[in-house]
Protein backbone atom coordinates (compact mmCIF):
# COMPACT_ATOMS: atom_id res chain seq x y z
CA MET A 1 74.13 36.34 83.14
CA ARG A 2 77.64 35.96 84.56
CA TRP A 3 79.14 37.76 81.58
CA LEU A 4 76.78 40.70 82.18
CA ILE A 5 77.75 40.89 85.85
CA GLY A 6 81.42 40.82 84.81
CA ILE A 7 80.97 43.71 82.43
CA PHE A 8 79.33 45.83 85.17
CA ALA A 9 82.20 45.04 87.54
CA VAL A 10 84.84 46.14 85.03
CA VAL A 11 82.99 49.38 84.29
CA ASN A 12 82.63 50.11 88.02
CA VAL A 13 86.35 49.60 88.67
CA ALA A 14 87.26 51.90 85.78
CA ALA A 15 84.88 54.58 87.02
CA GLN A 16 86.30 54.45 90.50
CA ALA A 17 89.84 54.77 89.15
CA ALA A 18 88.87 57.86 87.13
CA ASP A 19 87.10 59.58 90.06
CA PRO A 20 89.62 60.93 92.61
CA LEU A 21 86.82 61.24 95.16
CA SER A 22 85.65 57.64 94.73
CA PRO A 23 85.56 55.67 98.00
CA SER A 24 87.54 52.87 96.35
CA THR A 25 90.63 55.09 96.30
CA SER A 26 90.17 55.39 100.04
CA PRO A 27 90.87 59.16 100.49
CA SER A 28 90.15 60.53 103.93
CA VAL A 29 87.23 62.86 104.54
CA ASP A 30 89.67 65.66 105.38
CA GLU A 31 91.50 65.16 102.09
CA ARG A 32 88.28 65.33 100.10
CA LEU A 33 87.25 68.53 101.91
CA ARG A 34 90.68 70.05 101.27
CA ARG A 35 90.39 69.37 97.53
CA LEU A 36 86.94 70.91 97.42
CA GLU A 37 88.19 74.03 99.25
CA GLN A 38 91.09 74.36 96.81
CA ASN A 39 88.70 74.21 93.86
CA GLN A 40 86.49 76.83 95.50
CA GLU A 41 89.44 79.16 96.18
CA GLN A 42 90.61 78.86 92.57
CA LEU A 43 87.15 79.74 91.30
CA GLN A 44 87.00 82.75 93.68
CA ARG A 45 90.37 84.03 92.43
CA GLU A 46 89.20 83.83 88.86
CA LEU A 47 86.00 85.71 89.71
CA ASP A 48 87.97 88.43 91.55
CA ALA A 49 90.30 88.86 88.57
CA LYS A 50 87.36 89.23 86.22
CA ASP A 51 85.69 91.78 88.54
CA ALA A 52 88.92 93.82 88.68
CA ARG A 53 89.19 93.77 84.91
CA ILE A 54 85.58 94.93 84.55
CA LYS A 55 86.17 97.84 86.97
CA GLU A 56 89.32 98.87 85.08
CA LEU A 57 87.45 98.84 81.77
CA GLU A 58 84.66 100.93 83.31
CA ARG A 59 87.23 103.44 84.59
CA GLN A 60 88.81 103.74 81.14
CA VAL A 61 85.41 104.26 79.53
CA HIS A 62 84.52 107.02 82.02
CA GLU A 63 87.81 108.82 81.45
CA ALA A 64 87.41 108.57 77.69
CA GLN A 65 83.94 110.05 77.95
CA ALA A 66 85.25 112.89 80.12
CA MET A 67 87.96 113.73 77.58
CA THR A 68 85.67 113.62 74.56
CA ALA A 69 82.81 115.53 76.19
CA PRO A 70 84.42 117.98 78.64
CA SER A 71 81.43 120.23 79.32
CA ALA A 72 79.14 117.34 80.16
CA ALA A 73 81.71 115.36 82.14
CA ILE A 74 82.92 118.21 84.29
CA THR A 75 79.52 118.97 85.71
CA SER A 76 78.86 115.33 86.60
CA VAL A 77 82.10 114.32 88.31
CA THR A 78 83.80 115.00 91.61
CA PRO A 79 87.53 115.01 92.39
CA ASN A 80 87.17 111.53 93.90
CA SER A 81 85.97 110.03 90.64
CA ALA A 82 88.30 108.80 87.93
CA ALA A 83 87.00 111.33 85.42
CA GLY A 84 87.27 114.18 87.94
CA LYS A 85 90.90 113.38 88.74
CA SER A 86 91.81 113.22 85.07
CA ARG A 87 90.55 116.79 84.65
CA LEU A 88 92.51 118.32 87.55
CA ALA A 89 96.00 117.03 86.73
CA ASN A 90 97.99 115.88 83.70
CA GLU A 91 100.34 113.61 85.64
CA SER A 92 100.68 111.59 88.81
CA THR A 93 103.61 111.44 91.24
CA ARG A 94 105.39 108.43 92.72
CA VAL A 95 106.54 110.36 95.78
CA ARG A 96 105.35 108.71 98.98
CA PRO A 97 103.45 111.23 101.16
CA ARG A 98 104.95 111.54 104.63
CA LYS A 99 103.44 112.59 107.91
CA SER A 100 105.08 115.87 108.87
CA MET A 101 104.72 118.67 111.41
CA ALA A 102 105.37 121.29 108.71
CA ASP A 103 103.63 120.00 105.54
CA GLU A 104 106.30 121.19 103.08
CA GLN A 105 105.29 118.46 100.63
CA ASP A 106 101.74 119.80 100.20
CA ALA A 107 102.93 123.22 99.04
CA SER A 108 105.47 122.01 96.48
CA PRO A 109 104.76 122.44 92.73
CA ARG A 110 104.87 119.14 90.79
CA PRO A 111 104.94 118.17 87.09
CA GLY A 112 101.55 118.40 85.43
CA ASN A 113 100.01 119.63 88.70
CA ALA A 114 100.24 116.06 90.01
CA PRO A 115 98.43 115.77 93.36
CA LEU A 116 100.30 114.33 96.32
CA ASP A 117 96.91 112.98 97.46
CA PRO A 118 95.27 111.23 94.47
CA TYR A 119 91.89 111.25 96.28
CA TYR A 120 91.81 115.04 96.68
CA SER A 121 90.70 114.77 100.30
CA GLY A 122 89.04 117.94 101.58
CA PHE A 123 88.29 119.48 98.18
CA MET A 124 84.85 120.98 97.59
CA GLN A 125 83.41 121.79 94.21
CA ILE A 126 82.42 125.41 93.72
CA ALA A 127 78.74 125.35 92.77
CA GLY A 128 78.05 125.95 89.11
CA SER A 129 81.74 125.87 88.10
CA ASN A 130 84.49 123.57 86.94
CA SER A 131 86.60 124.40 89.97
CA TRP A 132 87.39 122.89 93.36
CA ILE A 133 88.75 124.53 96.50
CA LYS A 134 90.36 123.29 99.71
CA LEU A 135 90.88 125.23 102.92
CA GLY A 136 93.83 123.88 104.90
CA GLY A 137 96.40 124.69 107.52
CA TYR A 138 97.03 123.98 111.17
CA VAL A 139 97.51 125.56 114.58
CA LYS A 140 100.85 124.74 116.20
CA LEU A 141 102.07 125.74 119.67
CA ASP A 142 105.79 125.45 120.54
CA MET A 143 107.21 125.44 124.08
CA ILE A 144 110.98 125.95 124.06
CA TYR A 145 113.71 125.68 126.69
CA ASP A 146 117.32 126.64 125.86
CA THR A 147 120.33 126.02 128.08
CA THR A 148 121.69 129.38 126.98
CA ARG A 149 120.22 132.43 125.28
CA ILE A 150 120.75 132.38 121.51
CA GLY A 151 120.05 134.98 118.85
CA ASP A 152 116.94 133.29 117.44
CA LEU A 153 114.50 132.50 120.23
CA ASN A 154 111.86 130.85 118.04
CA LYS A 155 113.79 128.71 115.53
CA PHE A 156 116.90 126.64 116.21
CA VAL A 157 119.42 128.28 113.87
CA THR A 158 122.94 127.37 114.96
CA ASN A 159 124.55 130.46 113.41
CA SER A 160 122.88 132.39 116.24
CA VAL A 161 124.59 130.39 119.02
CA PRO A 162 126.96 132.80 120.85
CA VAL A 163 130.68 131.99 121.00
CA ALA A 164 133.30 132.99 123.58
CA GLY A 165 133.80 136.75 123.45
CA GLU A 166 130.28 137.63 122.33
CA PRO A 167 127.89 139.37 124.78
CA GLU A 168 125.41 136.49 125.15
CA PHE A 169 128.05 133.80 125.66
CA GLY A 170 127.57 132.02 128.99
CA SER A 171 124.11 133.49 129.56
CA ASP A 172 121.50 131.65 131.61
CA SER A 173 118.79 129.36 130.29
CA GLU A 174 115.67 130.73 128.65
CA PHE A 175 112.07 129.56 128.15
CA GLY A 176 109.47 130.71 125.62
CA ILE A 177 106.10 129.83 124.09
CA HIS A 178 104.91 130.85 120.64
CA ALA A 179 102.46 129.84 117.91
CA LYS A 180 104.25 131.47 114.98
CA GLN A 181 104.35 128.31 112.85
CA THR A 182 100.55 128.30 112.63
CA GLN A 183 99.60 128.22 108.96
CA ILE A 184 96.60 128.96 106.78
CA SER A 185 96.47 127.57 103.25
CA LEU A 186 94.08 127.77 100.33
CA GLU A 187 94.33 125.52 97.28
CA PHE A 188 92.33 126.13 94.13
CA ARG A 189 92.14 123.64 91.23
CA SER A 190 90.24 124.01 88.01
CA SER A 191 89.74 121.95 84.88
CA SER A 192 89.77 123.59 81.48
CA PRO A 193 90.16 122.63 77.81
CA LEU A 194 93.68 124.15 77.86
CA SER A 195 95.19 122.43 80.91
CA PRO A 196 94.49 121.96 84.63
CA LEU A 197 95.11 125.08 86.74
CA ARG A 198 96.34 125.17 90.33
CA ILE A 199 96.68 128.21 92.57
CA TYR A 200 98.21 127.72 96.00
CA TYR A 201 98.32 130.19 98.89
CA GLN A 202 99.89 129.76 102.34
CA ASN A 203 101.06 132.03 105.14
CA ASP A 204 102.60 131.65 108.56
CA PHE A 205 103.46 134.19 111.27
CA PHE A 206 107.27 134.15 111.35
CA ASN A 207 107.89 137.72 110.19
CA ASN A 208 110.27 139.44 112.64
CA SER A 209 110.65 136.03 114.24
CA LYS A 210 114.01 136.10 116.00
CA THR A 211 113.41 138.01 119.20
CA THR A 212 109.64 138.23 119.73
CA THR A 213 106.75 135.84 120.11
CA SER A 214 104.29 138.17 118.37
CA MET A 215 102.49 136.64 115.42
CA ASP A 216 103.48 138.84 112.49
CA TYR A 217 102.01 137.85 109.11
CA LEU A 218 104.45 136.34 106.59
CA LEU A 219 103.54 135.24 103.06
CA ALA A 220 104.95 131.77 102.47
CA HIS A 221 103.47 130.73 99.10
CA PHE A 222 101.32 132.37 96.47
CA TYR A 223 101.76 130.92 92.99
CA GLY A 224 99.85 129.64 90.01
CA GLN A 225 100.57 126.67 87.77
CA VAL A 226 99.13 125.73 84.38
CA ASP A 227 100.36 122.34 83.21
CA ASN A 228 104.15 122.68 83.74
CA LEU A 229 104.51 126.46 83.92
CA ILE A 230 104.81 127.91 87.44
CA ALA A 231 104.82 131.62 88.26
CA GLY A 232 104.67 133.30 91.64
CA HIS A 233 106.18 133.03 95.11
CA THR A 234 107.14 129.54 96.31
CA PHE A 235 110.02 127.19 97.16
CA SER A 236 113.21 127.76 95.17
CA THR A 237 113.89 125.21 92.44
CA PHE A 238 117.20 124.67 94.29
CA MET A 239 115.20 123.10 97.15
CA ASP A 240 113.89 119.57 97.62
CA PRO A 241 110.78 119.84 99.86
CA ASP A 242 110.37 116.04 99.84
CA ALA A 243 113.78 115.60 101.49
CA ILE A 244 113.27 117.83 104.56
CA PRO A 245 113.31 115.75 107.78
CA ASP A 246 110.26 115.86 110.06
CA THR A 247 111.32 118.13 112.94
CA LEU A 248 109.32 120.06 115.53
CA ASP A 249 111.73 122.94 115.04
CA PHE A 250 110.65 124.95 112.01
CA ALA A 251 114.18 125.70 110.79
CA GLY A 252 115.40 122.12 110.39
CA PRO A 253 119.00 120.93 109.78
CA GLY A 254 121.40 123.82 109.17
CA ALA A 255 122.83 122.68 105.82
CA THR A 256 119.37 122.49 104.21
CA PRO A 257 118.41 125.01 101.50
CA ILE A 258 115.08 126.47 102.61
CA ILE A 259 114.13 129.58 100.69
CA ARG A 260 110.89 130.84 99.15
CA GLN A 261 110.99 133.60 96.56
CA PRO A 262 109.39 134.97 93.35
CA GLN A 263 110.20 132.95 90.24
CA VAL A 264 109.09 131.60 86.92
CA ARG A 265 109.74 127.88 86.40
CA TYR A 266 109.14 125.46 83.56
CA ILE A 267 109.15 121.69 84.01
CA ILE A 268 110.09 119.42 81.11
CA PRO A 269 108.94 115.81 81.58
CA LEU A 270 111.48 113.28 80.32
CA LYS A 271 109.49 110.27 81.47
CA PRO A 272 106.00 111.18 82.75
CA GLY A 273 105.54 110.28 86.40
CA ALA A 274 109.19 109.27 86.80
CA MET A 275 111.75 111.79 85.48
CA HIS A 276 111.87 115.48 84.63
CA ILE A 277 114.08 118.54 84.47
CA ALA A 278 113.09 122.06 85.55
CA LEU A 279 114.51 125.45 84.59
CA ALA A 280 113.85 128.63 86.57
CA LEU A 281 114.58 132.34 86.79
CA GLU A 282 114.41 133.44 90.42
CA GLN A 283 114.72 136.64 92.44
CA SER A 284 118.29 137.76 93.00
CA LYS A 285 119.47 139.50 96.15
CA SER A 286 122.81 140.92 97.28
CA ASP A 287 124.07 139.33 100.51
CA PHE A 288 127.52 140.77 101.24
CA SER A 289 128.96 141.26 104.69
CA ASN A 290 131.08 144.41 104.23
CA ILE A 291 129.89 146.65 101.41
CA PRO A 292 131.93 149.90 101.61
CA SER A 293 130.31 153.13 102.72
CA GLY A 294 128.76 154.94 99.79
CA SER A 295 128.13 151.70 97.89
CA THR A 296 125.03 149.66 97.23
CA GLY A 297 124.35 146.10 96.14
CA ARG A 298 122.95 145.50 92.67
CA ASN A 299 120.70 142.82 91.27
CA SER A 300 121.47 143.06 87.58
CA LEU A 301 120.44 139.50 86.63
CA PRO A 302 118.07 136.87 88.00
CA ASP A 303 119.40 133.72 89.66
CA PHE A 304 119.43 130.80 87.22
CA VAL A 305 118.43 127.42 88.66
CA ALA A 306 118.18 124.01 87.00
CA GLN A 307 116.95 120.75 88.45
CA TRP A 308 116.94 117.05 87.44
CA ARG A 309 114.77 114.60 89.32
CA TRP A 310 113.92 110.88 89.26
CA GLU A 311 111.06 109.27 91.20
CA GLY A 312 110.35 105.58 91.69
CA ALA A 313 109.05 102.95 94.06
CA LEU A 314 112.32 103.05 96.02
CA GLY A 315 112.21 106.82 96.58
CA HIS A 316 113.61 109.75 94.64
CA ILE A 317 116.87 111.50 93.69
CA GLN A 318 117.20 115.18 92.87
CA ILE A 319 120.19 117.20 91.63
CA ALA A 320 119.97 120.98 91.41
CA ALA A 321 122.43 123.62 90.15
CA LEU A 322 122.53 127.38 90.72
CA VAL A 323 124.33 130.23 88.93
CA ARG A 324 124.03 133.82 90.11
CA GLU A 325 125.74 137.17 89.59
CA LEU A 326 126.91 139.05 92.68
CA SER A 327 127.62 142.75 92.22
CA TYR A 328 127.74 146.13 93.94
CA GLU A 329 128.23 149.68 92.78
CA ASN A 330 130.39 152.35 94.39
CA THR A 331 128.26 155.47 94.11
CA SER A 332 130.56 157.80 96.07
CA THR A 333 133.20 158.10 93.34
CA SER A 334 132.79 157.19 89.69
CA ARG A 335 129.95 154.67 90.08
CA THR A 336 132.36 151.80 89.53
CA GLU A 337 130.68 148.38 89.45
CA TYR A 338 132.27 145.24 90.86
CA ASN A 339 130.90 141.77 90.28
CA THR A 340 131.65 138.06 90.52
CA THR A 341 129.85 134.83 89.71
CA GLY A 342 128.38 132.53 92.31
CA TYR A 343 127.46 128.92 91.68
CA GLY A 344 126.29 125.93 93.69
CA TYR A 345 124.92 122.42 93.58
CA ARG A 346 122.78 120.20 95.75
CA ALA A 347 122.16 116.45 95.55
CA SER A 348 119.42 115.02 97.73
CA GLY A 349 117.23 111.97 97.97
CA VAL A 350 114.94 109.84 100.08
CA LEU A 351 115.07 106.04 100.27
CA ASN A 352 111.73 104.42 101.08
CA ILE A 353 112.16 101.64 103.62
CA ALA A 354 109.69 99.06 104.92
CA ASN A 355 107.02 100.10 107.46
CA SER A 356 106.94 103.68 106.08
CA ASP A 357 110.48 104.42 107.34
CA ASN A 358 112.60 106.88 105.34
CA LEU A 359 116.34 107.58 104.97
CA PHE A 360 117.28 111.17 103.98
CA LEU A 361 120.67 112.08 102.48
CA ALA A 362 121.84 115.39 101.00
CA VAL A 363 125.03 117.29 100.17
CA VAL A 364 125.36 120.93 99.15
CA GLY A 365 128.25 123.11 98.06
CA GLY A 366 129.40 126.02 95.96
CA GLU A 367 130.78 129.55 95.94
CA GLY A 368 128.56 132.53 96.55
CA ILE A 369 125.41 130.55 97.44
CA GLY A 370 125.04 132.39 100.76
CA ARG A 371 121.37 133.01 101.50
CA TYR A 372 120.26 129.72 99.90
CA ILE A 373 121.51 127.81 102.98
CA ILE A 374 119.35 128.30 106.06
CA ASP A 375 122.19 128.26 108.61
CA LEU A 376 124.40 130.82 106.85
CA PRO A 377 124.01 134.35 108.26
CA PHE A 378 123.25 137.26 105.97
CA GLY A 379 126.41 138.44 104.21
CA SER A 380 127.81 134.94 103.59
CA ALA A 381 127.77 135.01 99.78
CA ALA A 382 130.80 137.24 99.20
CA VAL A 383 133.17 139.78 100.76
CA VAL A 384 134.68 142.98 99.45
CA ALA A 385 138.49 142.85 99.47
CA ALA A 386 140.75 145.79 100.34
CA ASP A 387 141.10 146.72 96.65
CA GLY A 388 137.32 146.77 96.21
CA THR A 389 137.02 143.51 94.31
CA LEU A 390 134.28 141.08 95.21
CA ASN A 391 135.23 137.54 96.28
CA ALA A 392 132.67 134.74 96.51
CA LEU A 393 132.84 132.56 99.65
CA ARG A 394 132.94 128.78 99.50
CA ALA A 395 130.33 126.81 101.48
CA ASP A 396 129.90 123.03 101.89
CA GLY A 397 127.49 120.96 103.94
CA ALA A 398 125.72 117.63 104.38
CA VAL A 399 122.57 116.28 106.04
CA ALA A 400 121.64 112.74 107.06
CA ALA A 401 118.36 111.79 108.74
CA TYR A 402 116.26 108.72 109.48
CA GLU A 403 112.53 108.60 110.10
CA HIS A 404 111.25 105.54 111.99
CA HIS A 405 107.64 104.52 112.66
CA TRP A 406 107.44 102.68 115.97
CA HIS A 407 103.70 102.19 115.57
CA GLN A 408 100.91 103.54 113.42
CA GLN A 409 100.54 106.43 115.89
CA TRP A 410 104.18 106.87 116.98
CA ARG A 411 107.14 108.05 114.93
CA SER A 412 110.62 109.53 115.41
CA THR A 413 113.16 111.39 113.30
CA PHE A 414 116.89 111.61 114.00
CA SER A 415 119.12 113.94 111.98
CA TYR A 416 122.64 115.33 111.78
CA SER A 417 123.93 118.31 109.79
CA TYR A 418 127.37 119.80 109.20
CA LEU A 419 128.12 123.12 107.48
CA LYS A 420 131.36 124.96 106.72
CA LEU A 421 132.01 128.44 105.28
CA ASP A 422 135.40 129.80 104.15
CA SER A 423 135.01 133.21 105.80
CA GLN A 424 137.74 135.85 105.37
CA PRO A 425 139.60 137.87 108.07
CA VAL A 426 138.08 141.10 106.72
CA GLN A 427 134.74 139.87 108.10
CA GLY A 428 135.99 139.98 111.67
CA PRO A 429 136.87 137.36 114.31
CA PHE A 430 133.25 136.31 114.95
CA ALA A 431 132.44 135.50 111.31
CA PHE A 432 130.79 132.13 110.80
CA LYS A 433 133.23 129.25 110.19
CA GLU A 434 131.31 126.00 110.81
CA SER A 435 128.34 124.51 112.62
CA GLU A 436 126.93 121.15 113.68
CA TYR A 437 123.30 120.24 114.32
CA VAL A 438 121.94 117.13 116.08
CA GLN A 439 118.24 116.41 116.52
CA GLY A 440 115.91 113.65 117.73
CA ASN A 441 112.20 113.57 118.48
CA LEU A 442 109.22 111.43 119.40
CA ILE A 443 105.81 112.30 117.93
CA TRP A 444 102.42 110.85 118.87
CA ALA A 445 99.60 111.27 116.34
CA PRO A 446 96.49 109.44 117.64
CA THR A 447 94.30 111.01 114.93
CA LYS A 448 94.85 112.61 111.53
CA THR A 449 94.19 116.05 112.97
CA PHE A 450 96.10 116.02 116.27
CA SER A 451 99.82 115.56 116.96
CA VAL A 452 101.99 116.14 120.01
CA GLY A 453 105.74 115.70 120.25
CA ALA A 454 108.94 116.28 122.16
CA GLU A 455 112.31 117.05 120.60
CA TYR A 456 115.93 117.45 121.66
CA LEU A 457 118.30 119.64 119.65
CA HIS A 458 121.96 120.42 120.08
CA GLY A 459 123.92 122.95 118.07
CA ARG A 460 127.57 123.99 117.96
CA ARG A 461 129.00 127.02 116.21
CA GLU A 462 132.65 127.89 115.63
CA ALA A 463 133.80 131.37 114.61
CA LEU A 464 136.70 132.34 112.36
CA SER A 465 138.81 133.12 115.42
CA GLY A 466 138.44 129.55 116.67
CA ALA A 467 136.07 130.52 119.50
CA SER A 468 133.10 128.22 119.82
CA GLY A 469 129.82 127.88 121.67
CA ASN A 470 126.97 125.42 121.92
CA ASP A 471 123.35 125.23 123.01
CA SER A 472 120.91 122.43 123.83
CA ARG A 473 117.19 122.91 123.31
CA VAL A 474 114.17 120.91 124.43
CA GLN A 475 110.99 121.64 122.50
CA MET A 476 107.44 120.38 122.95
CA SER A 477 104.78 121.00 120.30
CA LEU A 478 101.04 120.53 119.91
CA ARG A 479 99.49 120.64 116.46
CA TYR A 480 95.87 120.70 115.29
CA ALA A 481 95.38 120.19 111.54
CA LEU A 482 92.37 121.72 109.84
CA VAL A 483 91.72 119.11 107.11
CA ARG A 484 93.06 115.56 106.80
């Protein structure tokens, strides 16, 4: 009997040693509970991973079905579904959408019609069709106070700041209210066996904008895109709409290229969703300051624009180049034609920083780029010399800006811009020489559809004669977005 009791004792000791929760090892109750919780958490993580894998496999199956049976899939999906999204775009973008008072990002063409919003918020399917439509836009009211009267009462363009010797120099302060930035947009997307189609329309009311507050219709965008071919009226390929700082003032920093014009553009993906180049033929336009009497500007060739762009988790970099022919014809004598070549470059980028902050940097330069820079007055591309020859003018500029989010509902942008133009004496003593632009704002957006902000702007302009002038502006804006 003793030997049997001994055997049971040995077996019991061995069992207790093998069981980490055995009382003989003397773990505390808290320790045993902790071990059980760890085991439970590990099991939950494994279950979550398996659920995620199942959902991903289901998504792939749905997309495969949509691609192999287009007619059946299109009628049974919405833009919010995986299959629906795969039919409305060929690519995705890694650009981080930013809150903005102007919404330049929404209007920009992208490779493969990639949507900035992958959920297609606000789109409605047109009954009985393979198409979706979105009505967008916003109402924006601007209240403006200037310390002195400048040439553009509605946008802060520093080339319109009067300098010593000009009639408006030293004038009193001025106040105005307008709603000219109010926009209406219409976006149409359609799936087809060929390739997704996008048509985008937008207008504002800034026509004849400098001296009146009347809301005169101005077409901003109207273009179509199939896959990577864009045709119509939209931002120049020389621009970078994703690198425009968020300002209440519609003009923005003076050294920024902001121009919308007719064009045909083709995008060549080098690495889908990350890198591409774009080539474009765009509308040409003569912008000379002193064409002789009896002469007229000529647009004999389109402007040629090329762009290289990289997008990633850290932000994006874009480099654009421009070549254009500048020419005029003397019709009063023997119809002699004079011409020269203009060229320019722009490098820009945005660095994504924690908490949705953004750092903007850009440089621009070239000869004969004139109208492509927002702060250069008309006639800044070239001048006609005494012997009739056409000389392109050199321009250089830079922009730096920082966007900071104080809170989910509060944000600010601070920016600085410098621009210089090598004007010639033949243009007169008040020809543009250089300008500086300083801006800072505070914007409160308690909802997706309502924003209100205050902004301070200061601009300085120097003329060829050395005379200078400056203006400070305080602007308050209220904005109601239609769809968010």
